[in-house]
Amino acid sequence: MEKTKPCPFCSPPAGVIVAQNAVCYARKDRFPVAKGHMLVIPFRHEPDFFDLTGEEKCAILELVSECKRVIEKTEKPAGYNIGFNVGAAAGQSVMHTHCHVIPRYPKDTINPRRGVRGVILE
């Protein structure tokens, strides 16, 4: 019988939480795609963003704004990508809903005008 790995987001280690509210928390991404990349994660284990409660969805957005304030204390991004990967086909590798807050910097990509569309092959 295959042993299931524990969810890495359900029990954040001490000192990892950068910001939180009653429903979710924010932490630095362990594998950042840009300097300052953060994640916002509901405390309740729910794999699918669409199955979150309205309160959880609102709490995530509140923390996204807090992440921006935290990031801008040390970094000077020129923009942000904010997003969710829902399901393995969309790139979700940890099956616990989480929102990426990715700071963007001038010239960090060849064509930033495509934004998130750049992840879809033509």
N, C-alpha and C. Protein backbone atom coordinates (compact mmCIF):
# COMPACT_ATOMS: atom_id res chain seq x y z
N MET A 1 0.84 -1.19 0.00
CA MET A 1 0.00 0.00 0.00
C MET A 1 0.88 1.25 0.00
N GLU A 2 0.56 2.19 -0.87
CA GLU A 2 1.35 3.42 -1.00
C GLU A 2 1.02 4.37 0.14
N LYS A 3 2.07 4.91 0.77
CA LYS A 3 1.89 5.84 1.87
C LYS A 3 1.69 7.25 1.32
N THR A 4 0.67 7.95 1.81
CA THR A 4 0.38 9.31 1.37
C THR A 4 1.26 10.29 2.13
N LYS A 5 1.88 11.21 1.39
CA LYS A 5 2.71 12.24 2.04
C LYS A 5 1.81 13.25 2.72
N PRO A 6 2.24 13.78 3.88
CA PRO A 6 1.43 14.81 4.52
C PRO A 6 1.45 16.10 3.68
N CYS A 7 0.39 16.85 3.76
CA CYS A 7 0.29 18.10 3.01
C CYS A 7 1.27 19.12 3.60
N PRO A 8 2.15 19.68 2.77
CA PRO A 8 3.13 20.65 3.28
C PRO A 8 2.52 21.99 3.70
N PHE A 9 1.26 22.25 3.32
CA PHE A 9 0.63 23.52 3.66
C PHE A 9 -0.28 23.45 4.88
N CYS A 10 -0.65 22.24 5.31
CA CYS A 10 -1.59 22.12 6.43
C CYS A 10 -0.99 22.49 7.78
N SER A 11 0.29 22.25 7.95
CA SER A 11 0.96 22.54 9.23
C SER A 11 2.24 23.31 8.97
N PRO A 12 2.13 24.62 8.75
CA PRO A 12 3.35 25.39 8.44
C PRO A 12 4.31 25.38 9.63
N PRO A 13 5.60 25.18 9.37
CA PRO A 13 6.58 25.19 10.46
C PRO A 13 6.68 26.56 11.12
N ALA A 14 7.11 26.57 12.36
CA ALA A 14 7.27 27.82 13.10
C ALA A 14 8.20 28.77 12.33
N GLY A 15 7.83 30.03 12.31
CA GLY A 15 8.65 31.05 11.67
C GLY A 15 8.42 31.21 10.18
N VAL A 16 7.58 30.37 9.57
CA VAL A 16 7.35 30.45 8.12
C VAL A 16 6.28 31.48 7.77
N ILE A 17 5.31 31.66 8.62
CA ILE A 17 4.19 32.57 8.34
C ILE A 17 4.67 34.02 8.38
N VAL A 18 4.42 34.72 7.27
CA VAL A 18 4.82 36.13 7.14
C VAL A 18 3.66 37.06 7.49
N ALA A 19 2.44 36.61 7.19
CA ALA A 19 1.22 37.38 7.49
C ALA A 19 0.08 36.37 7.60
N GLN A 20 -0.98 36.75 8.32
CA GLN A 20 -2.13 35.86 8.42
C GLN A 20 -3.35 36.63 8.85
N ASN A 21 -4.50 36.00 8.62
CA ASN A 21 -5.76 36.47 9.17
C ASN A 21 -6.44 35.24 9.77
N ALA A 22 -7.69 35.32 10.12
CA ALA A 22 -8.36 34.20 10.79
C ALA A 22 -8.52 32.97 9.90
N VAL A 23 -8.43 33.13 8.58
CA VAL A 23 -8.78 32.06 7.64
C VAL A 23 -7.59 31.53 6.84
N CYS A 24 -6.57 32.34 6.64
CA CYS A 24 -5.45 31.91 5.82
C CYS A 24 -4.15 32.58 6.25
N TYR A 25 -3.06 32.10 5.64
CA TYR A 25 -1.75 32.66 5.98
C TYR A 25 -0.94 32.86 4.71
N ALA A 26 0.12 33.66 4.83
CA ALA A 26 1.03 33.93 3.71
C ALA A 26 2.43 33.51 4.12
N ARG A 27 3.15 32.98 3.14
CA ARG A 27 4.54 32.56 3.36
C ARG A 27 5.33 32.81 2.10
N LYS A 28 6.65 32.84 2.21
CA LYS A 28 7.50 32.92 1.03
C LYS A 28 7.44 31.58 0.31
N ASP A 29 7.46 31.62 -1.02
CA ASP A 29 7.47 30.40 -1.80
C ASP A 29 8.83 29.72 -1.64
N ARG A 30 8.84 28.41 -1.42
CA ARG A 30 10.09 27.67 -1.26
C ARG A 30 10.86 27.55 -2.56
N PHE A 31 10.18 27.67 -3.69
CA PHE A 31 10.81 27.58 -5.00
C PHE A 31 10.39 28.80 -5.83
N PRO A 32 10.85 29.99 -5.43
CA PRO A 32 10.37 31.23 -6.07
C PRO A 32 10.77 31.34 -7.53
N VAL A 33 9.84 31.87 -8.32
CA VAL A 33 10.14 32.16 -9.72
C VAL A 33 10.62 33.60 -9.89
N ALA A 34 10.52 34.40 -8.83
CA ALA A 34 11.00 35.79 -8.83
C ALA A 34 11.31 36.17 -7.38
N LYS A 35 12.17 37.13 -7.21
CA LYS A 35 12.53 37.59 -5.87
C LYS A 35 11.29 38.17 -5.18
N GLY A 36 10.95 37.62 -4.01
CA GLY A 36 9.79 38.08 -3.27
C GLY A 36 8.54 37.25 -3.47
N HIS A 37 8.58 36.22 -4.32
CA HIS A 37 7.42 35.36 -4.62
C HIS A 37 6.84 34.80 -3.31
N MET A 38 5.54 35.01 -3.12
CA MET A 38 4.87 34.54 -1.92
C MET A 38 3.64 33.71 -2.27
N LEU A 39 3.17 32.95 -1.29
CA LEU A 39 1.95 32.15 -1.42
C LEU A 39 0.97 32.56 -0.35
N VAL A 40 -0.32 32.56 -0.69
CA VAL A 40 -1.38 32.77 0.29
C VAL A 40 -2.18 31.46 0.33
N ILE A 41 -2.35 30.92 1.55
CA ILE A 41 -2.86 29.56 1.71
C ILE A 41 -3.96 29.53 2.77
N PRO A 42 -5.13 28.99 2.45
CA PRO A 42 -6.16 28.85 3.49
C PRO A 42 -5.71 27.80 4.51
N PHE A 43 -6.05 28.00 5.77
CA PHE A 43 -5.71 27.01 6.80
C PHE A 43 -6.45 25.70 6.54
N ARG A 44 -7.69 25.78 6.08
CA ARG A 44 -8.48 24.57 5.83
C ARG A 44 -7.95 23.88 4.57
N HIS A 45 -7.74 22.59 4.67
CA HIS A 45 -7.27 21.83 3.51
C HIS A 45 -8.41 21.65 2.50
N GLU A 46 -8.25 22.29 1.36
CA GLU A 46 -9.21 22.15 0.26
C GLU A 46 -8.40 22.22 -1.03
N PRO A 47 -8.36 21.16 -1.81
CA PRO A 47 -7.56 21.16 -3.04
C PRO A 47 -8.03 22.15 -4.11
N ASP A 48 -9.33 22.35 -4.24
CA ASP A 48 -9.88 23.08 -5.37
C ASP A 48 -10.34 24.48 -4.96
N PHE A 49 -9.75 25.50 -5.58
CA PHE A 49 -10.12 26.89 -5.32
C PHE A 49 -11.63 27.09 -5.41
N PHE A 50 -12.27 26.45 -6.38
CA PHE A 50 -13.70 26.67 -6.61
C PHE A 50 -14.57 26.09 -5.50
N ASP A 51 -14.00 25.25 -4.64
CA ASP A 51 -14.74 24.69 -3.52
C ASP A 51 -14.50 25.45 -2.21
N LEU A 52 -13.73 26.53 -2.26
CA LEU A 52 -13.54 27.37 -1.07
C LEU A 52 -14.84 28.11 -0.76
N THR A 53 -14.98 28.50 0.50
CA THR A 53 -16.12 29.33 0.88
C THR A 53 -15.88 30.76 0.40
N GLY A 54 -16.94 31.55 0.37
CA GLY A 54 -16.79 32.97 0.03
C GLY A 54 -15.87 33.67 1.01
N GLU A 55 -16.00 33.34 2.29
CA GLU A 55 -15.13 33.93 3.31
C GLU A 55 -13.66 33.62 3.04
N GLU A 56 -13.36 32.38 2.64
CA GLU A 56 -11.97 32.00 2.35
C GLU A 56 -11.44 32.76 1.14
N LYS A 57 -12.26 32.88 0.11
CA LYS A 57 -11.82 33.60 -1.09
C LYS A 57 -11.53 35.07 -0.76
N CYS A 58 -12.38 35.70 0.02
CA CYS A 58 -12.16 37.10 0.42
C CYS A 58 -10.91 37.23 1.29
N ALA A 59 -10.72 36.29 2.21
CA ALA A 59 -9.56 36.34 3.10
C ALA A 59 -8.26 36.19 2.31
N ILE A 60 -8.28 35.38 1.26
CA ILE A 60 -7.09 35.24 0.41
C ILE A 60 -6.77 36.58 -0.23
N LEU A 61 -7.77 37.25 -0.79
CA LEU A 61 -7.52 38.53 -1.45
C LEU A 61 -7.02 39.59 -0.48
N GLU A 62 -7.53 39.57 0.75
CA GLU A 62 -7.02 40.50 1.76
C GLU A 62 -5.53 40.28 1.99
N LEU A 63 -5.13 39.02 2.07
CA LEU A 63 -3.71 38.73 2.30
C LEU A 63 -2.85 39.00 1.07
N VAL A 64 -3.41 38.90 -0.13
CA VAL A 64 -2.65 39.26 -1.33
C VAL A 64 -2.19 40.71 -1.22
N SER A 65 -3.07 41.59 -0.77
CA SER A 65 -2.70 43.00 -0.59
C SER A 65 -1.64 43.16 0.50
N GLU A 66 -1.76 42.37 1.55
CA GLU A 66 -0.74 42.42 2.61
C GLU A 66 0.60 41.91 2.09
N CYS A 67 0.58 40.89 1.25
CA CYS A 67 1.83 40.39 0.66
C CYS A 67 2.52 41.48 -0.14
N LYS A 68 1.75 42.24 -0.89
CA LYS A 68 2.33 43.35 -1.66
C LYS A 68 3.06 44.31 -0.73
N ARG A 69 2.45 44.64 0.40
CA ARG A 69 3.10 45.55 1.36
C ARG A 69 4.39 44.93 1.91
N VAL A 70 4.34 43.65 2.23
CA VAL A 70 5.53 42.96 2.76
C VAL A 70 6.64 42.93 1.72
N ILE A 71 6.30 42.56 0.49
CA ILE A 71 7.30 42.48 -0.59
C ILE A 71 7.95 43.84 -0.81
N GLU A 72 7.14 44.90 -0.80
CA GLU A 72 7.67 46.22 -1.13
C GLU A 72 8.48 46.86 0.00
N LYS A 73 8.56 46.20 1.14
CA LYS A 73 9.47 46.66 2.19
C LYS A 73 10.92 46.40 1.81
N THR A 74 11.15 45.37 1.00
CA THR A 74 12.52 45.01 0.64
C THR A 74 12.79 45.01 -0.86
N GLU A 75 11.76 44.89 -1.66
CA GLU A 75 11.91 44.81 -3.11
C GLU A 75 11.20 45.98 -3.78
N LYS A 76 11.53 46.19 -5.04
CA LYS A 76 10.91 47.27 -5.82
C LYS A 76 10.37 46.72 -7.14
N PRO A 77 9.35 45.85 -7.07
CA PRO A 77 8.81 45.31 -8.32
C PRO A 77 8.07 46.38 -9.13
N ALA A 78 8.00 46.13 -10.43
CA ALA A 78 7.29 47.04 -11.33
C ALA A 78 5.87 46.56 -11.61
N GLY A 79 5.55 45.34 -11.19
CA GLY A 79 4.23 44.77 -11.42
C GLY A 79 4.09 43.46 -10.68
N TYR A 80 2.95 42.80 -10.86
CA TYR A 80 2.67 41.53 -10.18
C TYR A 80 1.86 40.62 -11.08
N ASN A 81 2.07 39.31 -10.91
CA ASN A 81 1.14 38.30 -11.39
C ASN A 81 0.55 37.66 -10.15
N ILE A 82 -0.77 37.54 -10.13
CA ILE A 82 -1.50 36.93 -9.01
C ILE A 82 -2.29 35.77 -9.61
N GLY A 83 -2.16 34.57 -9.03
CA GLY A 83 -2.92 33.50 -9.65
C GLY A 83 -2.94 32.18 -8.91
N PHE A 84 -3.85 31.33 -9.39
CA PHE A 84 -4.09 29.99 -8.85
C PHE A 84 -3.87 28.97 -9.96
N ASN A 85 -3.30 27.85 -9.62
CA ASN A 85 -3.28 26.68 -10.50
C ASN A 85 -4.30 25.72 -9.90
N VAL A 86 -5.30 25.34 -10.67
CA VAL A 86 -6.36 24.47 -10.15
C VAL A 86 -6.34 23.15 -10.92
N GLY A 87 -5.86 22.10 -10.27
CA GLY A 87 -5.77 20.78 -10.89
C GLY A 87 -4.41 20.53 -11.51
N ALA A 88 -4.05 19.25 -11.58
CA ALA A 88 -2.75 18.86 -12.12
C ALA A 88 -2.55 19.34 -13.56
N ALA A 89 -3.61 19.31 -14.37
CA ALA A 89 -3.50 19.73 -15.77
C ALA A 89 -3.15 21.21 -15.89
N ALA A 90 -3.45 21.98 -14.84
CA ALA A 90 -3.15 23.41 -14.84
C ALA A 90 -1.84 23.71 -14.11
N GLY A 91 -1.13 22.67 -13.69
CA GLY A 91 0.16 22.87 -13.04
C GLY A 91 0.14 22.83 -11.53
N GLN A 92 -0.99 22.52 -10.91
CA GLN A 92 -1.06 22.46 -9.45
C GLN A 92 -0.29 21.22 -8.99
N SER A 93 0.76 21.44 -8.20
CA SER A 93 1.58 20.31 -7.73
C SER A 93 1.35 20.00 -6.26
N VAL A 94 0.87 20.97 -5.49
CA VAL A 94 0.47 20.73 -4.10
C VAL A 94 -1.05 20.84 -4.08
N MET A 95 -1.71 19.76 -3.75
CA MET A 95 -3.16 19.72 -3.83
C MET A 95 -3.82 20.30 -2.57
N HIS A 96 -3.48 21.54 -2.29
CA HIS A 96 -4.07 22.37 -1.24
C HIS A 96 -4.11 23.75 -1.87
N THR A 97 -5.27 24.33 -1.98
CA THR A 97 -5.41 25.63 -2.66
C THR A 97 -4.36 26.61 -2.16
N HIS A 98 -3.75 27.31 -3.09
CA HIS A 98 -2.81 28.38 -2.75
C HIS A 98 -2.76 29.38 -3.90
N CYS A 99 -2.56 30.62 -3.52
CA CYS A 99 -2.50 31.72 -4.48
C CYS A 99 -1.07 32.22 -4.57
N HIS A 100 -0.56 32.34 -5.79
CA HIS A 100 0.78 32.86 -6.02
C HIS A 100 0.73 34.38 -6.13
N VAL A 101 1.62 35.04 -5.42
CA VAL A 101 1.82 36.49 -5.53
C VAL A 101 3.25 36.64 -6.05
N ILE A 102 3.36 36.92 -7.34
CA ILE A 102 4.67 36.93 -7.99
C ILE A 102 5.03 38.34 -8.43
N PRO A 103 6.03 38.94 -7.77
CA PRO A 103 6.49 40.26 -8.19
C PRO A 103 7.16 40.16 -9.57
N ARG A 104 7.00 41.19 -10.36
CA ARG A 104 7.61 41.23 -11.69
C ARG A 104 8.51 42.45 -11.79
N TYR A 105 9.58 42.29 -12.54
CA TYR A 105 10.62 43.31 -12.65
C TYR A 105 10.89 43.62 -14.11
N PRO A 106 11.32 44.85 -14.39
CA PRO A 106 11.63 45.19 -15.79
C PRO A 106 12.63 44.19 -16.38
N LYS A 107 12.35 43.75 -17.58
CA LYS A 107 13.22 42.86 -18.34
C LYS A 107 13.41 41.47 -17.70
N ASP A 108 12.47 41.03 -16.82
CA ASP A 108 12.61 39.68 -16.26
C ASP A 108 12.08 38.61 -17.22
N THR A 109 11.49 39.04 -18.34
CA THR A 109 11.04 38.13 -19.38
C THR A 109 11.13 38.86 -20.72
N ILE A 110 11.21 38.10 -21.78
CA ILE A 110 11.36 38.69 -23.11
C ILE A 110 10.14 39.50 -23.52
N ASN A 111 8.93 38.96 -23.28
CA ASN A 111 7.71 39.64 -23.71
C ASN A 111 6.67 39.63 -22.59
N PRO A 112 6.75 40.56 -21.64
CA PRO A 112 5.80 40.56 -20.53
C PRO A 112 4.37 40.90 -20.95
N ARG A 113 4.17 41.42 -22.16
CA ARG A 113 2.83 41.80 -22.59
C ARG A 113 1.88 40.61 -22.65
N ARG A 114 2.42 39.42 -22.73
CA ARG A 114 1.56 38.22 -22.80
C ARG A 114 1.13 37.78 -21.41
N GLY A 115 1.75 38.26 -20.34
CA GLY A 115 1.35 37.92 -18.98
C GLY A 115 1.20 36.43 -18.77
N VAL A 116 0.13 36.02 -18.13
CA VAL A 116 -0.08 34.60 -17.86
C VAL A 116 -0.33 33.79 -19.13
N ARG A 117 -0.64 34.46 -20.23
CA ARG A 117 -0.84 33.74 -21.49
C ARG A 117 0.47 33.08 -21.95
N GLY A 118 1.58 33.54 -21.45
CA GLY A 118 2.87 32.99 -21.81
C GLY A 118 3.10 31.57 -21.33
N VAL A 119 2.26 31.09 -20.42
CA VAL A 119 2.44 29.71 -19.92
C VAL A 119 1.75 28.69 -20.82
N ILE A 120 0.89 29.15 -21.73
CA ILE A 120 0.19 28.24 -22.63
C ILE A 120 0.95 28.16 -23.94
N LEU A 121 1.35 26.95 -24.34
CA LEU A 121 2.04 26.79 -25.61
C LEU A 121 1.08 27.04 -26.76
N GLU A 122 1.60 27.66 -27.81
CA GLU A 122 0.74 27.96 -28.96
C GLU A 122 0.65 26.79 -29.90
